[in-house]
PDB file of N, CA and C in Angstrom:
ATOM      1  N   MET A   1     -26.500 -69.808  37.064  1.00  0.00           N
ATOM      2  CA  MET A   1     -25.802 -68.585  37.485  1.00  0.00           C
ATOM      3  C   MET A   1     -24.339 -68.867  37.507  1.00  0.00           C
ATOM      4  N   ALA A   2     -23.562 -68.080  36.825  1.00  0.00           N
ATOM      5  CA  ALA A   2     -22.096 -68.225  36.847  1.00  0.00           C
ATOM      6  C   ALA A   2     -21.544 -67.382  38.011  1.00  0.00           C
ATOM      7  N   ARG A   3     -20.577 -67.896  38.670  1.00  0.00           N
ATOM      8  CA  ARG A   3     -19.826 -67.202  39.713  1.00  0.00           C
ATOM      9  C   ARG A   3     -18.466 -66.860  39.112  1.00  0.00           C
ATOM     10  N   VAL A   4     -18.080 -65.563  39.219  1.00  0.00           N
ATOM     11  CA  VAL A   4     -16.853 -65.082  38.646  1.00  0.00           C
ATOM     12  C   VAL A   4     -16.017 -64.480  39.761  1.00  0.00           C
ATOM     13  N   GLY A   5     -14.766 -64.909  39.858  1.00  0.00           N
ATOM     14  CA  GLY A   5     -13.855 -64.359  40.833  1.00  0.00           C
ATOM     15  C   GLY A   5     -12.571 -63.878  40.091  1.00  0.00           C
ATOM     16  N   PHE A   6     -12.034 -62.790  40.567  1.00  0.00           N
ATOM     17  CA  PHE A   6     -10.808 -62.298  40.007  1.00  0.00           C
ATOM     18  C   PHE A   6     -10.081 -61.435  41.028  1.00  0.00           C
ATOM     19  N   LYS A   7      -8.810 -61.207  40.790  1.00  0.00           N
ATOM     20  CA  LYS A   7      -8.076 -60.339  41.704  1.00  0.00           C
ATOM     21  C   LYS A   7      -7.445 -59.195  40.953  1.00  0.00           C
ATOM     22  N   MET A   8      -7.172 -58.141  41.700  1.00  0.00           N
ATOM     23  CA  MET A   8      -6.567 -56.913  41.166  1.00  0.00           C
ATOM     24  C   MET A   8      -5.586 -56.416  42.253  1.00  0.00           C
ATOM     25  N   GLN A   9      -4.800 -55.424  41.973  1.00  0.00           N
ATOM     26  CA  GLN A   9      -3.804 -54.908  42.932  1.00  0.00           C
ATOM     27  C   GLN A   9      -3.942 -53.414  43.109  1.00  0.00           C
ATOM     28  N   LEU A  10      -3.878 -52.979  44.333  1.00  0.00           N
ATOM     29  CA  LEU A  10      -3.768 -51.564  44.636  1.00  0.00           C
ATOM     30  C   LEU A  10      -2.326 -51.155  44.645  1.00  0.00           C
ATOM     31  N   LYS A  11      -2.097 -49.852  44.394  1.00  0.00           N
ATOM     32  CA  LYS A  11      -0.776 -49.334  44.610  1.00  0.00           C
ATOM     33  C   LYS A  11      -0.701 -48.911  46.082  1.00  0.00           C
ATOM     34  N   ALA A  12       0.441 -49.077  46.693  1.00  0.00           N
ATOM     35  CA  ALA A  12       0.643 -48.813  48.099  1.00  0.00           C
ATOM     36  C   ALA A  12       0.222 -47.364  48.435  1.00  0.00           C
ATOM     37  N   GLY A  13      -0.420 -47.211  49.571  1.00  0.00           N
ATOM     38  CA  GLY A  13      -0.811 -45.922  50.043  1.00  0.00           C
ATOM     39  C   GLY A  13      -2.209 -45.431  49.587  1.00  0.00           C
ATOM     40  N   ASN A  14      -2.875 -46.265  48.800  1.00  0.00           N
ATOM     41  CA  ASN A  14      -4.157 -45.884  48.215  1.00  0.00           C
ATOM     42  C   ASN A  14      -5.349 -46.630  48.839  1.00  0.00           C
ATOM     43  N   GLU A  15      -5.115 -47.338  49.904  1.00  0.00           N
ATOM     44  CA  GLU A  15      -6.177 -48.189  50.476  1.00  0.00           C
ATOM     45  C   GLU A  15      -7.419 -47.379  50.897  1.00  0.00           C
ATOM     46  N   ALA A  16      -7.156 -46.272  51.625  1.00  0.00           N
ATOM     47  CA  ALA A  16      -8.299 -45.505  52.119  1.00  0.00           C
ATOM     48  C   ALA A  16      -9.027 -44.778  50.976  1.00  0.00           C
ATOM     49  N   GLU A  17      -8.311 -44.283  49.983  1.00  0.00           N
ATOM     50  CA  GLU A  17      -8.926 -43.601  48.874  1.00  0.00           C
ATOM     51  C   GLU A  17      -9.702 -44.591  48.027  1.00  0.00           C
ATOM     52  N   TYR A  18      -9.241 -45.792  47.815  1.00  0.00           N
ATOM     53  CA  TYR A  18      -9.955 -46.806  47.085  1.00  0.00           C
ATOM     54  C   TYR A  18     -11.271 -47.093  47.772  1.00  0.00           C
ATOM     55  N   LYS A  19     -11.232 -47.266  49.096  1.00  0.00           N
ATOM     56  CA  LYS A  19     -12.464 -47.545  49.876  1.00  0.00           C
ATOM     57  C   LYS A  19     -13.428 -46.352  49.757  1.00  0.00           C
ATOM     58  N   ARG A  20     -12.912 -45.134  49.865  1.00  0.00           N
ATOM     59  CA  ARG A  20     -13.756 -43.933  49.794  1.00  0.00           C
ATOM     60  C   ARG A  20     -14.493 -43.864  48.460  1.00  0.00           C
ATOM     61  N   ARG A  21     -13.738 -44.098  47.364  1.00  0.00           N
ATOM     62  CA  ARG A  21     -14.327 -43.997  46.031  1.00  0.00           C
ATOM     63  C   ARG A  21     -15.398 -45.071  45.832  1.00  0.00           C
ATOM     64  N   HIS A  22     -15.212 -46.234  46.413  1.00  0.00           N
ATOM     65  CA  HIS A  22     -16.210 -47.286  46.311  1.00  0.00           C
ATOM     66  C   HIS A  22     -17.399 -47.052  47.229  1.00  0.00           C
ATOM     67  N   ASP A  23     -17.164 -46.380  48.323  1.00  0.00           N
ATOM     68  CA  ASP A  23     -18.286 -46.026  49.194  1.00  0.00           C
ATOM     69  C   ASP A  23     -19.198 -44.999  48.477  1.00  0.00           C
ATOM     70  N   GLU A  24     -18.626 -44.281  47.495  1.00  0.00           N
ATOM     71  CA  GLU A  24     -19.368 -43.270  46.738  1.00  0.00           C
ATOM     72  C   GLU A  24     -19.441 -43.678  45.281  1.00  0.00           C
ATOM     73  N   VAL A  25     -19.539 -44.975  44.983  1.00  0.00           N
ATOM     74  CA  VAL A  25     -19.552 -45.425  43.568  1.00  0.00           C
ATOM     75  C   VAL A  25     -20.683 -44.754  42.866  1.00  0.00           C
ATOM     76  N   TRP A  26     -20.476 -44.393  41.627  1.00  0.00           N
ATOM     77  CA  TRP A  26     -21.436 -43.673  40.835  1.00  0.00           C
ATOM     78  C   TRP A  26     -22.678 -44.442  40.606  1.00  0.00           C
ATOM     79  N   PRO A  27     -23.863 -43.884  40.890  1.00  0.00           N
ATOM     80  CA  PRO A  27     -25.120 -44.590  40.666  1.00  0.00           C
ATOM     81  C   PRO A  27     -25.311 -45.065  39.231  1.00  0.00           C
ATOM     82  N   ASN A  28     -24.890 -44.271  38.238  1.00  0.00           N
ATOM     83  CA  ASN A  28     -25.043 -44.672  36.855  1.00  0.00           C
ATOM     84  C   ASN A  28     -24.137 -45.833  36.516  1.00  0.00           C
ATOM     85  N   LEU A  29     -23.008 -45.977  37.189  1.00  0.00           N
ATOM     86  CA  LEU A  29     -22.135 -47.140  36.968  1.00  0.00           C
ATOM     87  C   LEU A  29     -22.830 -48.381  37.579  1.00  0.00           C
ATOM     88  N   GLN A  30     -23.368 -48.204  38.780  1.00  0.00           N
ATOM     89  CA  GLN A  30     -24.096 -49.375  39.404  1.00  0.00           C
ATOM     90  C   GLN A  30     -25.242 -49.800  38.440  1.00  0.00           C
ATOM     91  N   GLN A  31     -25.935 -48.856  37.848  1.00  0.00           N
ATOM     92  CA  GLN A  31     -27.032 -49.166  36.953  1.00  0.00           C
ATOM     93  C   GLN A  31     -26.505 -49.890  35.720  1.00  0.00           C
ATOM     94  N   LEU A  32     -25.416 -49.478  35.142  1.00  0.00           N
ATOM     95  CA  LEU A  32     -24.823 -50.149  33.993  1.00  0.00           C
ATOM     96  C   LEU A  32     -24.501 -51.613  34.349  1.00  0.00           C
ATOM     97  N   LEU A  33     -23.860 -51.792  35.478  1.00  0.00           N
ATOM     98  CA  LEU A  33     -23.493 -53.186  35.896  1.00  0.00           C
ATOM     99  C   LEU A  33     -24.732 -54.065  36.091  1.00  0.00           C
ATOM    100  N   LYS A  34     -25.764 -53.490  36.694  1.00  0.00           N
ATOM    101  CA  LYS A  34     -27.028 -54.233  36.853  1.00  0.00           C
ATOM    102  C   LYS A  34     -27.666 -54.565  35.518  1.00  0.00           C
ATOM    103  N   GLU A  35     -27.677 -53.603  34.599  1.00  0.00           N
ATOM    104  CA  GLU A  35     -28.250 -53.830  33.262  1.00  0.00           C
ATOM    105  C   GLU A  35     -27.462 -54.870  32.514  1.00  0.00           C
ATOM    106  N   THR A  36     -26.196 -55.000  32.794  1.00  0.00           N
ATOM    107  CA  THR A  36     -25.347 -56.051  32.160  1.00  0.00           C
ATOM    108  C   THR A  36     -25.694 -57.417  32.697  1.00  0.00           C
ATOM    109  N   GLY A  37     -26.369 -57.461  33.860  1.00  0.00           N
ATOM    110  CA  GLY A  37     -26.747 -58.742  34.483  1.00  0.00           C
ATOM    111  C   GLY A  37     -25.910 -59.091  35.681  1.00  0.00           C
ATOM    112  N   ILE A  38     -25.058 -58.206  36.111  1.00  0.00           N
ATOM    113  CA  ILE A  38     -24.185 -58.472  37.263  1.00  0.00           C
ATOM    114  C   ILE A  38     -25.028 -58.289  38.541  1.00  0.00           C
ATOM    115  N   GLY A  39     -24.839 -59.263  39.404  1.00  0.00           N
ATOM    116  CA  GLY A  39     -25.486 -59.197  40.751  1.00  0.00           C
ATOM    117  C   GLY A  39     -24.523 -59.781  41.773  1.00  0.00           C
ATOM    118  N   ASN A  40     -24.885 -59.573  43.042  1.00  0.00           N
ATOM    119  CA  ASN A  40     -24.119 -60.113  44.140  1.00  0.00           C
ATOM    120  C   ASN A  40     -22.610 -59.825  43.946  1.00  0.00           C
ATOM    121  N   TYR A  41     -22.296 -58.549  43.710  1.00  0.00           N
ATOM    122  CA  TYR A  41     -20.913 -58.145  43.409  1.00  0.00           C
ATOM    123  C   TYR A  41     -20.273 -57.609  44.662  1.00  0.00           C
ATOM    124  N   SER A  42     -19.133 -58.161  45.018  1.00  0.00           N
ATOM    125  CA  SER A  42     -18.367 -57.732  46.185  1.00  0.00           C
ATOM    126  C   SER A  42     -16.876 -57.652  45.798  1.00  0.00           C
ATOM    127  N   ILE A  43     -16.217 -56.726  46.475  1.00  0.00           N
ATOM    128  CA  ILE A  43     -14.743 -56.633  46.390  1.00  0.00           C
ATOM    129  C   ILE A  43     -14.196 -56.665  47.778  1.00  0.00           C
ATOM    130  N   PHE A  44     -13.243 -57.588  48.042  1.00  0.00           N
ATOM    131  CA  PHE A  44     -12.619 -57.733  49.382  1.00  0.00           C
ATOM    132  C   PHE A  44     -11.154 -57.318  49.214  1.00  0.00           C
ATOM    133  N   ARG A  45     -10.568 -56.818  50.296  1.00  0.00           N
ATOM    134  CA  ARG A  45      -9.171 -56.398  50.260  1.00  0.00           C
ATOM    135  C   ARG A  45      -8.347 -57.179  51.290  1.00  0.00           C
ATOM    136  N   ASP A  46      -7.155 -57.653  50.847  1.00  0.00           N
ATOM    137  CA  ASP A  46      -6.164 -58.276  51.723  1.00  0.00           C
ATOM    138  C   ASP A  46      -4.861 -57.550  51.466  1.00  0.00           C
ATOM    139  N   GLY A  47      -4.531 -56.599  52.299  1.00  0.00           N
ATOM    140  CA  GLY A  47      -3.336 -55.778  52.017  1.00  0.00           C
ATOM    141  C   GLY A  47      -3.583 -54.983  50.757  1.00  0.00           C
ATOM    142  N   LEU A  48      -2.774 -55.182  49.758  1.00  0.00           N
ATOM    143  CA  LEU A  48      -2.958 -54.481  48.480  1.00  0.00           C
ATOM    144  C   LEU A  48      -3.655 -55.349  47.440  1.00  0.00           C
ATOM    145  N   THR A  49      -3.978 -56.572  47.766  1.00  0.00           N
ATOM    146  CA  THR A  49      -4.660 -57.418  46.856  1.00  0.00           C
ATOM    147  C   THR A  49      -6.183 -57.290  47.010  1.00  0.00           C
ATOM    148  N   LEU A  50      -6.832 -57.118  45.880  1.00  0.00           N
ATOM    149  CA  LEU A  50      -8.285 -57.038  45.873  1.00  0.00           C
ATOM    150  C   LEU A  50      -8.827 -58.330  45.278  1.00  0.00           C
ATOM    151  N   PHE A  51      -9.836 -58.874  45.925  1.00  0.00           N
ATOM    152  CA  PHE A  51     -10.530 -60.069  45.415  1.00  0.00           C
ATOM    153  C   PHE A  51     -11.946 -59.646  45.109  1.00  0.00           C
ATOM    154  N   ALA A  52     -12.355 -59.822  43.841  1.00  0.00           N
ATOM    155  CA  ALA A  52     -13.685 -59.459  43.408  1.00  0.00           C
ATOM    156  C   ALA A  52     -14.489 -60.718  43.111  1.00  0.00           C
ATOM    157  N   TYR A  53     -15.766 -60.680  43.430  1.00  0.00           N
ATOM    158  CA  TYR A  53     -16.677 -61.784  43.180  1.00  0.00           C
ATOM    159  C   TYR A  53     -17.968 -61.199  42.666  1.00  0.00           C
ATOM    160  N   LEU A  54     -18.514 -61.839  41.587  1.00  0.00           N
ATOM    161  CA  LEU A  54     -19.807 -61.449  41.091  1.00  0.00           C
ATOM    162  C   LEU A  54     -20.513 -62.630  40.509  1.00  0.00           C
ATOM    163  N   GLU A  55     -21.840 -62.459  40.385  1.00  0.00           N
ATOM    164  CA  GLU A  55     -22.646 -63.495  39.764  1.00  0.00           C
ATOM    165  C   GLU A  55     -23.326 -62.905  38.542  1.00  0.00           C
ATOM    166  N   ILE A  56     -23.411 -63.702  37.482  1.00  0.00           N
ATOM    167  CA  ILE A  56     -24.023 -63.264  36.228  1.00  0.00           C
ATOM    168  C   ILE A  56     -24.595 -64.489  35.543  1.00  0.00           C
ATOM    169  N   ASP A  57     -25.773 -64.340  34.918  1.00  0.00           N
ATOM    170  CA  ASP A  57     -26.375 -65.461  34.217  1.00  0.00           C
ATOM    171  C   ASP A  57     -25.531 -65.927  33.053  1.00  0.00           C
ATOM    172  N   ASP A  58     -25.024 -64.940  32.285  1.00  0.00           N
ATOM    173  CA  ASP A  58     -24.247 -65.256  31.066  1.00  0.00           C
ATOM    174  C   ASP A  58     -22.948 -64.437  31.089  1.00  0.00           C
ATOM    175  N   PRO A  59     -21.805 -65.065  31.405  1.00  0.00           N
ATOM    176  CA  PRO A  59     -20.546 -64.317  31.463  1.00  0.00           C
ATOM    177  C   PRO A  59     -20.211 -63.620  30.155  1.00  0.00           C
ATOM    178  N   ALA A  60     -20.744 -64.074  29.023  1.00  0.00           N
ATOM    179  CA  ALA A  60     -20.487 -63.390  27.765  1.00  0.00           C
ATOM    180  C   ALA A  60     -20.997 -61.941  27.775  1.00  0.00           C
ATOM    181  N   ARG A  61     -21.951 -61.669  28.638  1.00  0.00           N
ATOM    182  CA  ARG A  61     -22.484 -60.288  28.721  1.00  0.00           C
ATOM    183  C   ARG A  61     -21.454 -59.284  29.328  1.00  0.00           C
ATOM    184  N   LEU A  62     -20.369 -59.847  29.907  1.00  0.00           N
ATOM    185  CA  LEU A  62     -19.302 -58.971  30.454  1.00  0.00           C
ATOM    186  C   LEU A  62     -18.443 -58.421  29.311  1.00  0.00           C
ATOM    187  N   LEU A  63     -18.365 -59.106  28.199  1.00  0.00           N
ATOM    188  CA  LEU A  63     -17.435 -58.787  27.128  1.00  0.00           C
ATOM    189  C   LEU A  63     -17.599 -57.364  26.561  1.00  0.00           C
ATOM    190  N   PRO A  64     -18.825 -56.831  26.417  1.00  0.00           N
ATOM    191  CA  PRO A  64     -18.972 -55.472  25.868  1.00  0.00           C
ATOM    192  C   PRO A  64     -18.644 -54.345  26.861  1.00  0.00           C
ATOM    193  N   LEU A  65     -18.558 -54.648  28.138  1.00  0.00           N
ATOM    194  CA  LEU A  65     -18.317 -53.604  29.169  1.00  0.00           C
ATOM    195  C   LEU A  65     -17.139 -52.693  28.862  1.00  0.00           C
ATOM    196  N   PRO A  66     -15.987 -53.213  28.402  1.00  0.00           N
ATOM    197  CA  PRO A  66     -14.842 -52.332  28.136  1.00  0.00           C
ATOM    198  C   PRO A  66     -15.096 -51.267  27.062  1.00  0.00           C
ATOM    199  N   GLN A  67     -16.141 -51.505  26.205  1.00  0.00           N
ATOM    200  CA  GLN A  67     -16.427 -50.504  25.180  1.00  0.00           C
ATOM    201  C   GLN A  67     -17.378 -49.432  25.678  1.00  0.00           C
ATOM    202  N   GLU A  68     -17.927 -49.575  26.902  1.00  0.00           N
ATOM    203  CA  GLU A  68     -18.843 -48.591  27.438  1.00  0.00           C
ATOM    204  C   GLU A  68     -18.064 -47.371  27.961  1.00  0.00           C
ATOM    205  N   GLU A  69     -18.421 -46.205  27.470  1.00  0.00           N
ATOM    206  CA  GLU A  69     -17.707 -44.983  27.893  1.00  0.00           C
ATOM    207  C   GLU A  69     -17.745 -44.800  29.402  1.00  0.00           C
ATOM    208  N   LEU A  70     -18.842 -45.080  30.060  1.00  0.00           N
ATOM    209  CA  LEU A  70     -18.949 -44.928  31.461  1.00  0.00           C
ATOM    210  C   LEU A  70     -17.925 -45.826  32.186  1.00  0.00           C
ATOM    211  N   MET A  71     -17.772 -47.042  31.714  1.00  0.00           N
ATOM    212  CA  MET A  71     -16.826 -47.975  32.302  1.00  0.00           C
ATOM    213  C   MET A  71     -15.432 -47.413  32.130  1.00  0.00           C
ATOM    214  N   ARG A  72     -15.091 -46.900  30.955  1.00  0.00           N
ATOM    215  CA  ARG A  72     -13.757 -46.292  30.709  1.00  0.00           C
ATOM    216  C   ARG A  72     -13.513 -45.073  31.588  1.00  0.00           C
ATOM    217  N   GLN A  73     -14.553 -44.290  31.861  1.00  0.00           N
ATOM    218  CA  GLN A  73     -14.422 -43.138  32.728  1.00  0.00           C
ATOM    219  C   GLN A  73     -14.104 -43.600  34.168  1.00  0.00           C
ATOM    220  N   TRP A  74     -14.775 -44.657  34.603  1.00  0.00           N
ATOM    221  CA  TRP A  74     -14.520 -45.189  35.941  1.00  0.00           C
ATOM    222  C   TRP A  74     -13.091 -45.691  36.014  1.00  0.00           C
ATOM    223  N   TRP A  75     -12.651 -46.410  35.005  1.00  0.00           N
ATOM    224  CA  TRP A  75     -11.241 -46.925  34.999  1.00  0.00           C
ATOM    225  C   TRP A  75     -10.241 -45.791  35.113  1.00  0.00           C
ATOM    226  N   ARG A  76     -10.455 -44.714  34.327  1.00  0.00           N
ATOM    227  CA  ARG A  76      -9.556 -43.566  34.365  1.00  0.00           C
ATOM    228  C   ARG A  76      -9.574 -42.958  35.758  1.00  0.00           C
ATOM    229  N   TYR A  77     -10.711 -42.879  36.413  1.00  0.00           N
ATOM    230  CA  TYR A  77     -10.838 -42.335  37.754  1.00  0.00           C
ATOM    231  C   TYR A  77     -10.059 -43.186  38.760  1.00  0.00           C
ATOM    232  N   MET A  78     -10.045 -44.495  38.551  1.00  0.00           N
ATOM    233  CA  MET A  78      -9.405 -45.401  39.502  1.00  0.00           C
ATOM    234  C   MET A  78      -7.957 -45.681  39.133  1.00  0.00           C
ATOM    235  N   GLU A  79      -7.535 -45.326  37.944  1.00  0.00           N
ATOM    236  CA  GLU A  79      -6.178 -45.681  37.480  1.00  0.00           C
ATOM    237  C   GLU A  79      -5.065 -45.231  38.426  1.00  0.00           C
ATOM    238  N   PRO A  80      -5.122 -44.043  39.018  1.00  0.00           N
ATOM    239  CA  PRO A  80      -4.003 -43.686  39.879  1.00  0.00           C
ATOM    240  C   PRO A  80      -3.837 -44.554  41.139  1.00  0.00           C
ATOM    241  N   LEU A  81      -4.885 -45.280  41.458  1.00  0.00           N
ATOM    242  CA  LEU A  81      -4.870 -46.068  42.671  1.00  0.00           C
ATOM    243  C   LEU A  81      -4.472 -47.503  42.506  1.00  0.00           C
ATOM    244  N   MET A  82      -4.527 -48.013  41.249  1.00  0.00           N
ATOM    245  CA  MET A  82      -4.405 -49.468  41.002  1.00  0.00           C
ATOM    246  C   MET A  82      -3.349 -49.773  39.928  1.00  0.00           C
ATOM    247  N   GLU A  83      -2.968 -51.036  39.860  1.00  0.00           N
ATOM    248  CA  GLU A  83      -2.166 -51.479  38.727  1.00  0.00           C
ATOM    249  C   GLU A  83      -3.091 -51.617  37.526  1.00  0.00           C
ATOM    250  N   CYS A  84      -2.754 -50.923  36.432  1.00  0.00           N
ATOM    251  CA  CYS A  84      -3.656 -50.846  35.277  1.00  0.00           C
ATOM    252  C   CYS A  84      -2.935 -51.140  33.990  1.00  0.00           C
ATOM    253  N   ASN A  85      -3.704 -51.497  32.983  1.00  0.00           N
ATOM    254  CA  ASN A  85      -3.214 -51.728  31.598  1.00  0.00           C
ATOM    255  C   ASN A  85      -3.099 -50.376  30.946  1.00  0.00           C
ATOM    256  N   PRO A  86      -2.453 -50.305  29.767  1.00  0.00           N
ATOM    257  CA  PRO A  86      -2.329 -49.026  29.055  1.00  0.00           C
ATOM    258  C   PRO A  86      -3.643 -48.319  28.750  1.00  0.00           C
ATOM    259  N   ASP A  87      -4.761 -49.052  28.661  1.00  0.00           N
ATOM    260  CA  ASP A  87      -6.044 -48.421  28.381  1.00  0.00           C
ATOM    261  C   ASP A  87      -6.750 -47.998  29.644  1.00  0.00           C
ATOM    262  N   ALA A  88      -6.059 -48.027  30.790  1.00  0.00           N
ATOM    263  CA  ALA A  88      -6.566 -47.639  32.137  1.00  0.00           C
ATOM    264  C   ALA A  88      -7.419 -48.729  32.781  1.00  0.00           C
ATOM    265  N   SER A  89      -7.687 -49.822  32.079  1.00  0.00           N
ATOM    266  CA  SER A  89      -8.453 -50.902  32.747  1.00  0.00           C
ATOM    267  C   SER A  89      -7.556 -51.541  33.792  1.00  0.00           C
ATOM    268  N   PRO A  90      -8.183 -51.991  34.880  1.00  0.00           N
ATOM    269  CA  PRO A  90      -7.353 -52.643  35.889  1.00  0.00           C
ATOM    270  C   PRO A  90      -6.752 -53.957  35.388  1.00  0.00           C
ATOM    271  N   VAL A  91      -5.568 -54.247  35.857  1.00  0.00           N
ATOM    272  CA  VAL A  91      -4.991 -55.580  35.576  1.00  0.00           C
ATOM    273  C   VAL A  91      -5.801 -56.595  36.384  1.00  0.00           C
ATOM    274  N   VAL A  92      -6.421 -57.528  35.686  1.00  0.00           N
ATOM    275  CA  VAL A  92      -7.328 -58.492  36.326  1.00  0.00           C
ATOM    276  C   VAL A  92      -6.719 -59.878  36.084  1.00  0.00           C
ATOM    277  N   VAL A  93      -6.690 -60.634  37.187  1.00  0.00           N
ATOM    278  CA  VAL A  93      -6.223 -62.011  37.132  1.00  0.00           C
ATOM    279  C   VAL A  93      -7.441 -62.884  37.444  1.00  0.00           C
ATOM    280  N   PRO A  94      -7.961 -63.615  36.453  1.00  0.00           N
ATOM    281  CA  PRO A  94      -9.114 -64.467  36.710  1.00  0.00           C
ATOM    282  C   PRO A  94      -8.733 -65.577  37.689  1.00  0.00           C
ATOM    283  N   LEU A  95      -9.681 -65.963  38.529  1.00  0.00           N
ATOM    284  CA  LEU A  95      -9.437 -67.025  39.476  1.00  0.00           C
ATOM    285  C   LEU A  95     -10.298 -68.236  39.157  1.00  0.00           C
ATOM    286  N   GLU A  96      -9.747 -69.391  39.313  1.00  0.00           N
ATOM    287  CA  GLU A  96     -10.457 -70.630  39.085  1.00  0.00           C
ATOM    288  C   GLU A  96     -11.220 -71.006  40.347  1.00  0.00           C
ATOM    289  N   GLU A  97     -12.443 -71.359  40.196  1.00  0.00           N
ATOM    290  CA  GLU A  97     -13.227 -71.806  41.355  1.00  0.00           C
ATOM    291  C   GLU A  97     -12.710 -73.178  41.822  1.00  0.00           C
ATOM    292  N   ALA A  98     -12.355 -73.272  43.060  1.00  0.00           N
ATOM    293  CA  ALA A  98     -11.814 -74.533  43.634  1.00  0.00           C
ATOM    294  C   ALA A  98     -12.836 -75.240  44.470  1.00  0.00           C
ATOM    295  N   PHE A  99     -13.846 -74.540  44.965  1.00  0.00           N
ATOM    296  CA  PHE A  99     -14.869 -75.139  45.821  1.00  0.00           C
ATOM    297  C   PHE A  99     -16.084 -74.225  45.848  1.00  0.00           C
ATOM    298  N   HIS A 100     -17.238 -74.849  45.917  1.00  0.00           N
ATOM    299  CA  HIS A 100     -18.482 -74.100  46.065  1.00  0.00           C
ATOM    300  C   HIS A 100     -19.474 -74.922  46.882  1.00  0.00           C
ATOM    301  N   MET A 101     -20.216 -74.246  47.764  1.00  0.00           N
ATOM    302  CA  MET A 101     -21.257 -74.929  48.518  1.00  0.00           C
ATOM    303  C   MET A 101     -22.428 -73.968  48.593  1.00  0.00           C
ATOM    304  N   ASP A 102     -23.622 -74.451  48.264  1.00  0.00           N
ATOM    305  CA  ASP A 102     -24.855 -73.651  48.395  1.00  0.00           C
ATOM    306  C   ASP A 102     -25.392 -73.794  49.814  1.00  0.00           C
TER     307      ASP A 102
END
C-alpha cells in the first residue's frame, strides 16, 4: 500500500465554504475515487494550508483522474476557493514521507 501526502492552498476567507463543500462531497465523486483504488483519504487544514493524505495500492492509478470529466467538474467547483492551475486543478505540492510507523 502506497501512502501519498500532498499540500494545497486555500484562498483567504474561504475556510468555512471549503469545509461545507467537503461535508457535502458528491457521492459520485467519492465512488470515482474508490473505484480508482483510493482509500483512507483525509484532508487536514492548518490556516490556509491543506494537507491531504491517501492510500492506494498502485499510485499509477491516480494518473488518469485528471481526464475524468467528474474530476474536472469538481475542480471547477472548488476553483474559486483554492490556488489552482489554468485547467482549474488545484496546485498540488507532493510531500516526501519522512517517517512512518504501523
